[in-house]
Amino acid sequence: MTQSEATALTAVGSGGSFAAMLAPAAAAGPIGLAVAGVTLLLSFLFSRKKPAQKIATTQLVDELEPILQANLAGYMEGPRSAASQAAALANFDAAWQWLTSPQACGNPELGAPGRWCIADRARGGEWDWWRRYRDPIAQDTPQPAASITASLFGGQANGGQGISPAAWILPAALIAGVLAL
């Protein structure tokens, strides 16, 4: 390695400016400039954060979205009472608060991918989680308490059958999933 190449590597590795690296490289001629250019490109490549940030935000939403899907399905397949509606909405709101917090996509270290993570899932975003997972619950009209009680305990609202064992699978799976975390 020539003296100008060593100077170029030192300038890049120590955070030196491009101008500090360019002068010795130019003195070495076209080869020195080429080596300095490659060194600079490698430095930029190695210091990129965006790919790792995108992977981190994708993992966050890949873990959270199935929980929101289960929350919506659980509400829609459940008794759809005012209490279950309030609980399902609170679940979505808590998930959204976490997603936008510094513990998730709201972490400033995630940079632009963190901001995109939130914006893409905000109301009007490319994957609008509000429209997909909150609005169907919020816009639903809860059933009156009398019909819920009848369906739970085998009254006329459900043909005297009560809740089938299959209706308990989703809530049990959700509880098991939370406990596994």
Protein backbone atom coordinates (compact mmCIF):
# COMPACT_ATOMS: atom_id res chain seq x y z
CA MET A 1 0.00 0.00 0.00
CA THR A 2 1.34 3.40 -0.91
CA GLN A 3 1.61 6.29 1.49
CA SER A 4 -1.34 8.08 -0.21
CA GLU A 5 -3.53 4.96 0.07
CA ALA A 6 -2.69 4.64 3.77
CA THR A 7 -3.47 8.33 4.25
CA ALA A 8 -6.80 7.88 2.44
CA LEU A 9 -7.78 4.92 4.62
CA THR A 10 -6.79 6.80 7.75
CA ALA A 11 -8.82 9.84 6.71
CA VAL A 12 -11.94 7.76 6.04
CA GLY A 13 -11.54 5.52 9.07
CA SER A 14 -11.10 8.44 11.42
CA GLY A 15 -14.03 10.34 9.99
CA GLY A 16 -11.78 12.71 8.06
CA SER A 17 -13.21 14.81 5.32
CA PHE A 18 -13.20 13.89 1.68
CA ALA A 19 -10.91 16.87 0.98
CA ALA A 20 -8.34 15.60 3.50
CA MET A 21 -8.32 12.27 1.73
CA LEU A 22 -8.35 13.71 -1.78
CA ALA A 23 -5.13 15.77 -1.63
CA PRO A 24 -2.69 12.88 -0.99
CA ALA A 25 -4.65 10.62 -3.36
CA ALA A 26 -4.45 13.19 -6.15
CA ALA A 27 -0.69 13.43 -5.63
CA ALA A 28 -0.48 9.69 -6.36
CA GLY A 29 -2.23 10.15 -9.69
CA PRO A 30 -5.27 8.43 -11.17
CA ILE A 31 -4.64 5.16 -9.30
CA GLY A 32 -4.52 7.03 -6.00
CA LEU A 33 -7.80 8.77 -6.81
CA ALA A 34 -9.40 5.46 -7.77
CA VAL A 35 -8.27 3.84 -4.51
CA ALA A 36 -9.54 6.85 -2.55
CA GLY A 37 -12.89 6.63 -4.35
CA VAL A 38 -13.25 2.94 -3.58
CA THR A 39 -12.27 3.57 0.03
CA LEU A 40 -14.89 6.27 0.30
CA LEU A 41 -17.59 4.06 -1.23
CA LEU A 42 -16.73 1.20 1.11
CA SER A 43 -16.88 3.56 4.05
CA PHE A 44 -20.37 4.68 3.08
CA LEU A 45 -21.48 1.10 2.45
CA PHE A 46 -20.21 -0.13 5.81
CA SER A 47 -21.75 2.76 7.75
CA ARG A 48 -25.25 2.48 6.28
CA LYS A 49 -27.94 2.04 8.88
CA LYS A 50 -31.05 1.98 6.74
CA PRO A 51 -31.04 -1.76 5.84
CA ALA A 52 -30.77 -2.77 9.49
CA GLN A 53 -33.41 -0.20 10.44
CA LYS A 54 -35.81 -1.55 7.80
CA ILE A 55 -35.30 -5.09 9.05
CA ALA A 56 -35.97 -4.00 12.64
CA THR A 57 -39.19 -2.15 11.78
CA THR A 58 -40.42 -5.02 9.61
CA GLN A 59 -39.89 -7.46 12.48
CA LEU A 60 -41.86 -5.20 14.81
CA VAL A 61 -44.90 -4.98 12.57
CA ASP A 62 -44.67 -8.65 11.58
CA GLU A 63 -45.03 -9.53 15.27
CA LEU A 64 -47.77 -6.99 16.01
CA GLU A 65 -50.08 -7.35 13.01
CA PRO A 66 -51.21 -10.95 13.73
CA ILE A 67 -52.18 -9.83 17.23
CA LEU A 68 -54.33 -7.04 15.77
CA GLN A 69 -55.89 -9.53 13.34
CA ALA A 70 -56.71 -11.84 16.24
CA ASN A 71 -58.15 -8.93 18.22
CA LEU A 72 -60.50 -8.04 15.35
CA ALA A 73 -61.49 -11.67 14.75
CA GLY A 74 -62.02 -12.26 18.46
CA TYR A 75 -64.35 -9.27 18.71
CA MET A 76 -66.29 -10.10 15.54
CA GLU A 77 -66.70 -13.76 16.48
CA GLY A 78 -67.45 -13.04 20.14
CA PRO A 79 -70.56 -11.69 21.83
CA ARG A 80 -69.95 -8.16 20.39
CA SER A 81 -71.12 -6.45 23.55
CA ALA A 82 -70.34 -2.88 24.54
CA ALA A 83 -67.77 -4.24 27.03
CA SER A 84 -66.04 -6.47 24.46
CA GLN A 85 -66.06 -3.58 21.97
CA ALA A 86 -64.41 -1.29 24.53
CA ALA A 87 -61.82 -3.98 25.34
CA ALA A 88 -61.03 -4.63 21.66
CA LEU A 89 -60.66 -0.89 20.99
CA ALA A 90 -58.42 -0.54 24.05
CA ASN A 91 -56.30 -3.42 22.71
CA PHE A 92 -55.84 -1.67 19.37
CA ASP A 93 -55.08 1.66 21.06
CA ALA A 94 -52.46 0.03 23.32
CA ALA A 95 -50.86 -1.69 20.31
CA TRP A 96 -50.77 1.59 18.38
CA GLN A 97 -49.31 3.44 21.35
CA TRP A 98 -46.57 0.82 21.63
CA LEU A 99 -45.82 0.88 17.87
CA THR A 100 -45.32 4.65 17.92
CA SER A 101 -43.31 4.60 21.16
CA PRO A 102 -39.51 4.74 21.53
CA GLN A 103 -39.60 0.99 22.28
CA ALA A 104 -40.79 0.28 18.72
CA CYS A 105 -40.97 2.24 15.44
CA GLY A 106 -40.96 5.58 17.28
CA ASN A 107 -37.35 4.97 18.30
CA PRO A 108 -35.30 7.88 16.88
CA GLU A 109 -32.42 5.47 16.14
CA LEU A 110 -34.61 3.78 13.53
CA GLY A 111 -34.51 6.97 11.45
CA ALA A 112 -36.55 7.17 8.27
CA PRO A 113 -37.62 3.49 8.31
CA GLY A 114 -39.11 4.05 11.78
CA ARG A 115 -41.05 7.07 10.53
CA TRP A 116 -42.22 5.11 7.47
CA CYS A 117 -43.26 2.21 9.72
CA ILE A 118 -45.67 4.52 11.52
CA ALA A 119 -46.81 6.61 8.54
CA ASP A 120 -47.57 3.53 6.41
CA ARG A 121 -49.86 2.15 9.11
CA ALA A 122 -51.43 5.44 10.21
CA ARG A 123 -54.85 6.52 8.98
CA GLY A 124 -54.57 7.01 5.23
CA GLY A 125 -51.22 5.19 5.01
CA GLU A 126 -50.37 2.43 2.57
CA TRP A 127 -51.36 -0.29 5.08
CA ASP A 128 -53.89 1.71 7.13
CA TRP A 129 -54.18 -0.32 10.34
CA TRP A 130 -56.91 2.01 11.61
CA ARG A 131 -59.16 1.19 8.66
CA ARG A 132 -58.28 -2.51 8.81
CA TYR A 133 -58.24 -3.27 12.53
CA ARG A 134 -59.89 -0.46 14.50
CA ASP A 135 -62.70 0.97 12.38
CA PRO A 136 -64.59 -2.34 11.94
CA ILE A 137 -64.76 -2.64 15.72
CA ALA A 138 -65.52 1.03 16.38
CA GLN A 139 -68.24 1.17 13.71
CA ASP A 140 -69.97 -2.01 14.86
CA THR A 141 -73.19 -1.71 16.82
CA PRO A 142 -72.84 -3.80 19.98
CA GLN A 143 -75.56 -6.33 20.80
CA PRO A 144 -77.88 -5.62 23.72
CA ALA A 145 -76.93 -7.39 26.94
CA ALA A 146 -80.10 -9.56 26.98
CA SER A 147 -79.31 -11.23 23.66
CA ILE A 148 -75.72 -11.84 24.73
CA THR A 149 -76.80 -13.50 27.96
CA ALA A 150 -79.29 -15.68 26.08
CA SER A 151 -76.68 -16.77 23.54
CA LEU A 152 -74.12 -17.55 26.23
CA PHE A 153 -76.46 -19.61 28.35
CA GLY A 154 -78.45 -21.41 25.67
CA GLY A 155 -81.40 -19.06 25.36
CA GLN A 156 -83.53 -18.52 22.30
CA ALA A 157 -81.10 -16.04 20.69
CA ASN A 158 -78.83 -18.93 19.75
CA GLY A 159 -81.42 -21.61 19.20
CA GLY A 160 -80.92 -22.89 22.71
CA GLN A 161 -77.41 -24.09 21.94
CA GLY A 162 -75.13 -21.73 23.90
CA ILE A 163 -71.58 -21.11 22.70
CA SER A 164 -69.99 -23.94 20.76
CA PRO A 165 -66.65 -25.31 21.95
CA ALA A 166 -65.07 -23.99 18.73
CA ALA A 167 -65.90 -20.43 19.81
CA TRP A 168 -63.49 -20.80 22.73
CA ILE A 169 -60.50 -21.73 20.54
CA LEU A 170 -59.56 -18.19 19.48
CA PRO A 171 -59.66 -16.66 22.99
CA ALA A 172 -57.69 -19.60 24.35
CA ALA A 173 -55.11 -19.25 21.55
CA LEU A 174 -54.76 -15.52 22.25
CA ILE A 175 -54.19 -16.12 25.95
CA ALA A 176 -51.65 -18.86 25.21
CA GLY A 177 -49.85 -16.56 22.75
CA VAL A 178 -49.60 -13.77 25.28
CA LEU A 179 -48.33 -16.12 27.96
CA ALA A 180 -45.70 -17.47 25.54
CA LEU A 181 -44.29 -13.96 25.07
